[in-house]
Amino acid sequence: MAKRSVDSKIRKSYSFSRLTFRQRDLWHGLIESVDDQGRMPADFNFVISQVWPYGGVSIDELKSDLQTLIDNEMIFYYEKRGGAFIQIINWWKYQASSWMGKSDFPAPDGWGDRERYHGKGNNIIEKNWDKQGGFDRLPASKLACQQSNDGEVNGEGEVNGEVKLSAQKAAQTDPSYEDCTPDGEPVVEKKKKKTKDERSMSPAIISFRRLTGLYPPKVNYEQVISVLGEQPDEAKMKRCYQDWCGRGFKPTNINWLLDWYVNGVPVRGKPQYGKPIGLDAVNAELARLEQEENNVSE
């Protein structure tokens, strides 16, 4: 991971001055936590584990602070491929590293990644490295567009102080509008509906998505359903997932479920015989020793 660049003028910027101390801390934490392309999952538990690993901030507080950063056009929230993600908008304006790896997460529509890293045989791989990168035009962020329908609209398309795209402009920017009627109205091309995987409605997959904000890879659906069953232990899932993220493992790797949820969370540090010991096994051994001690005292 490349070294992050934080502009020295950030504390004097107008957008930064409007933030609370906690929101400023969140902003710095996001810059340090995103990948080389300036993005990360928007799962609330994951964000808290990365920015405040020792806790102290609730999910409701985080939601409010993220919304403030969205309103100030500092971050962009979007949903893609069944997951929710955060993209730092001015990422390429301030990052001047000579090396930037590719992202594990899908880019928002209209965004340009810039990659330069060592491939096999020490070959240097470049993708759009000579381009500016970022958004050509900032689209509307989903959370920022949640408005009530009773707002007053002025002549410039402004609703409650927020600018809205007209239907005509939306048609021009939406690639699904390919033609117009004789009256000039856009014609929307009907897209074929994808067949829904019935397994996605199982209690196991629902619990997985509720915790992580993502669907597991479809190739692992049967494993996830087999491990969690019809009544997933969501409290145990949360402990395993938070510990997994807290130790710096990728949130997209589901071994926290297939391994830790089944065998217990391994004790930190190297075990004596080179094999991880599950937390459940440790507790069982402590209980056995305590029982033996009670039997001797009797």
Protein backbone atom coordinates (compact mmCIF):
# COMPACT_ATOMS: atom_id res chain seq x y z
CA MET A 1 0.00 0.00 0.00
CA ALA A 2 1.40 3.38 -1.00
CA LYS A 3 2.06 6.13 1.50
CA ARG A 4 -0.87 8.51 1.87
CA SER A 5 -0.48 12.23 1.13
CA VAL A 6 -2.40 14.75 3.22
CA ASP A 7 -2.25 18.33 1.96
CA SER A 8 -0.84 20.73 4.56
CA LYS A 9 -3.64 23.21 3.79
CA ILE A 10 -6.39 20.78 4.78
CA ARG A 11 -6.90 22.36 8.21
CA LYS A 12 -7.38 25.78 6.61
CA SER A 13 -9.88 24.63 3.97
CA TYR A 14 -13.48 25.87 4.16
CA SER A 15 -15.00 22.38 4.01
CA PHE A 16 -12.73 21.19 6.86
CA SER A 17 -13.64 24.19 9.03
CA ARG A 18 -17.33 23.21 8.92
CA LEU A 19 -16.66 19.77 10.41
CA THR A 20 -16.87 18.82 14.07
CA PHE A 21 -13.81 17.35 15.79
CA ARG A 22 -15.19 13.82 15.37
CA GLN A 23 -15.92 14.43 11.69
CA ARG A 24 -12.38 15.71 11.17
CA ASP A 25 -11.06 12.58 12.85
CA LEU A 26 -13.26 10.48 10.55
CA TRP A 27 -11.94 12.32 7.49
CA HIS A 28 -8.32 11.67 8.45
CA GLY A 29 -9.17 8.06 9.27
CA LEU A 30 -10.79 7.47 5.89
CA ILE A 31 -7.73 8.85 4.07
CA GLU A 32 -5.57 6.38 6.01
CA SER A 33 -7.96 3.41 5.57
CA VAL A 34 -8.92 3.49 1.87
CA ASP A 35 -7.01 1.46 -0.69
CA ASP A 36 -4.65 2.81 -3.36
CA GLN A 37 -7.58 3.98 -5.49
CA GLY A 38 -9.21 5.90 -2.62
CA ARG A 39 -12.11 3.56 -1.86
CA MET A 40 -13.30 1.11 0.78
CA PRO A 41 -16.47 -0.77 1.81
CA ALA A 42 -19.17 1.40 3.37
CA ASP A 43 -20.14 -1.26 5.91
CA PHE A 44 -20.58 0.71 9.15
CA ASN A 45 -18.99 -1.89 11.45
CA PHE A 46 -16.00 -2.14 9.13
CA VAL A 47 -15.52 1.65 8.93
CA ILE A 48 -15.62 1.94 12.73
CA SER A 49 -13.09 -0.90 13.11
CA GLN A 50 -10.68 0.86 10.72
CA VAL A 51 -11.04 4.46 11.90
CA TRP A 52 -11.69 3.84 15.62
CA PRO A 53 -10.33 0.35 16.40
CA TYR A 54 -10.91 0.94 20.12
CA GLY A 55 -14.57 1.92 19.60
CA GLY A 56 -16.29 4.92 21.17
CA VAL A 57 -18.47 5.87 18.17
CA SER A 58 -21.96 4.49 17.52
CA ILE A 59 -23.33 3.51 14.12
CA ASP A 60 -25.88 6.34 14.26
CA GLU A 61 -23.09 8.86 14.91
CA LEU A 62 -21.07 7.41 12.04
CA LYS A 63 -24.05 7.62 9.66
CA SER A 64 -24.56 11.28 10.54
CA ASP A 65 -20.87 12.08 10.05
CA LEU A 66 -20.66 10.22 6.73
CA GLN A 67 -23.69 12.16 5.51
CA THR A 68 -21.92 15.42 6.39
CA LEU A 69 -18.88 14.40 4.31
CA ILE A 70 -21.21 13.48 1.44
CA ASP A 71 -22.99 16.84 1.67
CA ASN A 72 -19.61 18.62 1.55
CA GLU A 73 -18.63 16.56 -1.55
CA MET A 74 -15.65 15.05 0.25
CA ILE A 75 -16.71 11.43 -0.23
CA PHE A 76 -19.03 9.66 -2.67
CA TYR A 77 -21.33 6.85 -1.50
CA TYR A 78 -22.52 4.31 -4.06
CA GLU A 79 -23.88 0.78 -4.37
CA LYS A 80 -22.55 -1.71 -6.91
CA ARG A 81 -22.43 -5.48 -7.37
CA GLY A 82 -24.50 -6.08 -4.27
CA GLY A 83 -22.33 -3.97 -1.96
CA ALA A 84 -22.01 -0.39 -0.71
CA PHE A 85 -18.75 1.56 -1.00
CA ILE A 86 -17.08 4.92 -0.26
CA GLN A 87 -14.90 6.81 -2.75
CA ILE A 88 -12.84 9.85 -1.75
CA ILE A 89 -13.74 12.38 -4.43
CA ASN A 90 -10.52 14.45 -4.68
CA TRP A 91 -8.25 11.43 -4.24
CA TRP A 92 -6.09 12.06 -7.29
CA LYS A 93 -5.86 15.78 -6.60
CA TYR A 94 -3.60 15.21 -3.59
CA GLN A 95 -2.00 11.76 -4.08
CA ALA A 96 1.46 12.01 -5.64
CA SER A 97 2.85 8.52 -5.02
CA SER A 98 4.94 6.83 -7.73
CA TRP A 99 3.12 3.50 -7.20
CA MET A 100 -0.59 2.73 -6.83
CA GLY A 101 -2.03 -0.80 -6.89
CA LYS A 102 -5.40 -1.84 -8.27
CA SER A 103 -8.48 -1.91 -6.06
CA ASP A 104 -10.33 -4.98 -4.80
CA PHE A 105 -13.61 -3.05 -5.00
CA PRO A 106 -15.63 -1.90 -8.04
CA ALA A 107 -15.17 1.74 -9.05
CA PRO A 108 -18.18 4.09 -9.14
CA ASP A 109 -19.62 4.88 -12.56
CA GLY A 110 -17.72 7.67 -14.29
CA TRP A 111 -14.58 7.22 -12.18
CA GLY A 112 -11.10 6.63 -13.62
CA ASP A 113 -8.55 4.55 -11.70
CA ARG A 114 -4.80 5.08 -12.10
CA GLU A 115 -2.60 2.02 -11.56
CA ARG A 116 1.16 1.52 -11.52
CA TYR A 117 2.62 -1.53 -9.81
CA HIS A 118 5.10 -4.38 -10.22
CA GLY A 119 3.72 -7.45 -11.97
CA LYS A 120 5.23 -10.88 -12.52
CA GLY A 121 8.89 -10.91 -13.41
CA ASN A 122 9.21 -7.43 -11.90
CA ASN A 123 7.45 -5.97 -14.96
CA ILE A 124 5.90 -2.57 -14.36
CA ILE A 125 2.17 -2.57 -15.13
CA GLU A 126 0.52 0.78 -15.85
CA LYS A 127 -3.14 1.57 -16.48
CA ASN A 128 -4.26 5.16 -17.15
CA TRP A 129 -1.17 6.34 -15.23
CA ASP A 130 -0.69 9.26 -17.61
CA LYS A 131 -4.29 10.45 -17.14
CA GLN A 132 -5.84 12.68 -14.53
CA GLY A 133 -8.11 10.06 -12.96
CA GLY A 134 -11.15 10.60 -10.76
CA PHE A 135 -14.60 11.78 -11.84
CA ASP A 136 -15.13 13.52 -15.17
CA ARG A 137 -18.38 14.76 -13.70
CA LEU A 138 -19.53 14.15 -10.14
CA PRO A 139 -22.79 12.15 -10.15
CA ALA A 140 -25.42 12.46 -7.43
CA SER A 141 -24.65 10.41 -4.33
CA LYS A 142 -27.51 8.13 -3.29
CA LEU A 143 -27.60 9.14 0.38
CA ALA A 144 -27.38 12.85 -0.46
CA CYS A 145 -30.43 12.57 -2.74
CA GLN A 146 -32.82 11.22 -0.11
CA GLN A 147 -35.28 14.12 -0.03
CA SER A 148 -38.94 14.47 0.85
CA ASN A 149 -41.33 14.98 -2.08
CA ASP A 150 -42.94 18.07 -0.58
CA GLY A 151 -39.92 20.35 -1.09
CA GLU A 152 -40.34 23.52 -3.06
CA VAL A 153 -38.64 23.60 -6.45
CA ASN A 154 -37.38 26.90 -7.81
CA GLY A 155 -36.79 27.85 -11.43
CA GLU A 156 -33.21 26.56 -11.39
CA GLY A 157 -34.16 23.02 -10.36
CA GLU A 158 -33.24 23.55 -6.73
CA VAL A 159 -35.11 21.48 -4.13
CA ASN A 160 -34.73 22.61 -0.50
CA GLY A 161 -31.39 24.17 -1.40
CA GLU A 162 -30.12 21.12 -3.33
CA VAL A 163 -29.70 21.20 -7.10
CA LYS A 164 -31.57 18.46 -8.99
CA LEU A 165 -30.91 17.39 -12.59
CA SER A 166 -33.78 18.02 -14.97
CA ALA A 167 -35.30 15.03 -16.77
CA GLN A 168 -33.72 16.22 -20.01
CA LYS A 169 -30.23 16.45 -18.52
CA ALA A 170 -30.69 13.11 -16.76
CA ALA A 171 -31.58 11.55 -20.10
CA GLN A 172 -28.39 12.95 -21.63
CA THR A 173 -26.18 11.52 -18.88
CA ASP A 174 -27.90 8.15 -18.55
CA PRO A 175 -26.57 5.59 -21.08
CA SER A 176 -29.87 3.66 -20.93
CA TYR A 177 -31.52 6.50 -22.94
CA GLU A 178 -30.72 5.64 -26.53
CA ASP A 179 -33.47 7.32 -28.52
CA CYS A 180 -36.24 9.90 -28.32
CA THR A 181 -39.89 10.00 -29.34
CA PRO A 182 -41.07 12.48 -32.03
CA ASP A 183 -42.01 14.80 -29.15
CA GLY A 184 -38.45 14.80 -27.88
CA GLU A 185 -39.18 12.61 -24.86
CA PRO A 186 -36.44 10.08 -23.99
CA VAL A 187 -37.20 6.43 -24.64
CA VAL A 188 -35.81 4.07 -22.03
CA GLU A 189 -34.52 0.76 -23.30
CA LYS A 190 -36.05 -2.05 -21.31
CA LYS A 191 -33.40 -4.21 -19.75
CA LYS A 192 -33.87 -7.91 -19.24
CA LYS A 193 -34.46 -8.83 -15.64
CA LYS A 194 -31.87 -11.12 -14.17
CA THR A 195 -33.13 -14.37 -12.70
CA LYS A 196 -33.01 -14.02 -8.93
CA ASP A 197 -31.05 -16.65 -7.04
CA GLU A 198 -33.53 -18.11 -4.53
CA ARG A 199 -30.65 -18.92 -2.18
CA SER A 200 -30.16 -15.18 -1.57
CA MET A 201 -33.39 -15.22 0.48
CA SER A 202 -32.14 -17.91 2.87
CA PRO A 203 -31.63 -16.85 6.54
CA ALA A 204 -27.88 -17.51 6.21
CA ILE A 205 -27.34 -15.19 3.22
CA ILE A 206 -29.63 -12.52 4.70
CA SER A 207 -27.68 -12.53 7.98
CA PHE A 208 -24.38 -12.38 6.08
CA ARG A 209 -25.50 -9.35 4.07
CA ARG A 210 -27.02 -7.62 7.12
CA LEU A 211 -23.67 -7.86 8.94
CA THR A 212 -21.19 -7.09 6.15
CA GLY A 213 -23.27 -5.07 3.68
CA LEU A 214 -22.16 -7.52 0.96
CA TYR A 215 -23.35 -10.77 -0.53
CA PRO A 216 -20.89 -13.68 -0.30
CA PRO A 217 -19.51 -14.93 -3.64
CA LYS A 218 -22.15 -17.13 -5.26
CA VAL A 219 -19.64 -19.96 -5.48
CA ASN A 220 -19.65 -19.98 -1.64
CA TYR A 221 -23.43 -19.76 -1.16
CA GLU A 222 -23.82 -23.45 -0.28
CA GLN A 223 -20.91 -23.32 2.19
CA VAL A 224 -22.34 -20.25 3.93
CA ILE A 225 -25.80 -21.82 4.13
CA SER A 226 -24.35 -25.09 5.44
CA VAL A 227 -22.28 -23.32 8.14
CA LEU A 228 -24.98 -20.92 9.37
CA GLY A 229 -28.06 -23.12 8.91
CA GLU A 230 -31.60 -21.84 9.32
CA GLN A 231 -30.92 -19.92 12.57
CA PRO A 232 -27.57 -18.10 12.28
CA ASP A 233 -25.94 -16.95 15.51
CA GLU A 234 -25.61 -13.28 14.50
CA ALA A 235 -23.91 -12.27 17.76
CA LYS A 236 -21.17 -14.86 17.16
CA MET A 237 -20.95 -13.80 13.49
CA LYS A 238 -20.44 -10.17 14.54
CA ARG A 239 -17.65 -11.07 17.01
CA CYS A 240 -15.81 -13.10 14.36
CA TYR A 241 -16.21 -10.45 11.65
CA GLN A 242 -15.16 -7.52 13.84
CA ASP A 243 -12.10 -9.44 15.11
CA TRP A 244 -11.24 -10.39 11.51
CA CYS A 245 -11.42 -6.78 10.31
CA GLY A 246 -9.68 -5.51 13.45
CA ARG A 247 -6.67 -7.70 12.69
CA GLY A 248 -6.35 -6.14 9.24
CA PHE A 249 -7.70 -9.00 7.09
CA LYS A 250 -9.66 -8.17 3.94
CA PRO A 251 -13.41 -7.81 4.65
CA THR A 252 -14.17 -9.56 1.35
CA ASN A 253 -12.43 -12.75 2.49
CA ILE A 254 -15.11 -14.95 4.11
CA ASN A 255 -12.75 -17.23 6.04
CA TRP A 256 -13.85 -15.33 9.15
CA LEU A 257 -17.07 -17.33 8.71
CA LEU A 258 -15.91 -20.61 7.14
CA ASP A 259 -13.02 -20.98 9.61
CA TRP A 260 -13.36 -18.73 12.67
CA TYR A 261 -17.12 -19.09 13.07
CA VAL A 262 -16.77 -22.89 12.91
CA ASN A 263 -13.50 -23.45 14.78
CA GLY A 264 -13.36 -20.37 16.98
CA VAL A 265 -11.28 -17.19 16.76
CA PRO A 266 -7.57 -18.10 16.96
CA VAL A 267 -5.57 -16.71 19.84
CA ARG A 268 -3.25 -13.86 18.84
CA GLY A 269 0.41 -14.80 18.51
CA LYS A 270 2.08 -18.04 17.40
CA PRO A 271 0.76 -21.23 19.06
CA GLN A 272 3.24 -23.66 20.63
CA TYR A 273 2.94 -26.39 17.99
CA GLY A 274 2.41 -24.21 14.95
CA LYS A 275 -1.34 -24.77 14.75
CA PRO A 276 -3.95 -22.10 15.64
CA ILE A 277 -6.04 -22.91 18.71
CA GLY A 278 -9.69 -21.95 18.54
CA LEU A 279 -11.14 -19.76 21.28
CA ASP A 280 -13.83 -22.38 22.01
CA ALA A 281 -11.12 -25.01 22.51
CA VAL A 282 -9.24 -22.72 24.91
CA ASN A 283 -12.37 -22.11 26.99
CA ALA A 284 -13.13 -25.85 27.06
CA GLU A 285 -9.62 -26.63 28.28
CA LEU A 286 -9.85 -23.99 31.04
CA ALA A 287 -13.17 -25.44 32.16
CA ARG A 288 -11.66 -28.96 32.26
CA LEU A 289 -8.70 -27.83 34.37
CA GLU A 290 -11.01 -26.03 36.78
CA GLN A 291 -13.11 -29.18 37.13
CA GLU A 292 -10.03 -31.30 37.85
CA GLU A 293 -8.95 -28.83 40.53
CA ASN A 294 -12.41 -29.02 42.17
CA ASN A 295 -12.29 -32.82 42.15
CA VAL A 296 -8.87 -32.84 43.88
CA SER A 297 -10.04 -30.40 46.57
CA GLU A 298 -13.05 -32.61 47.29
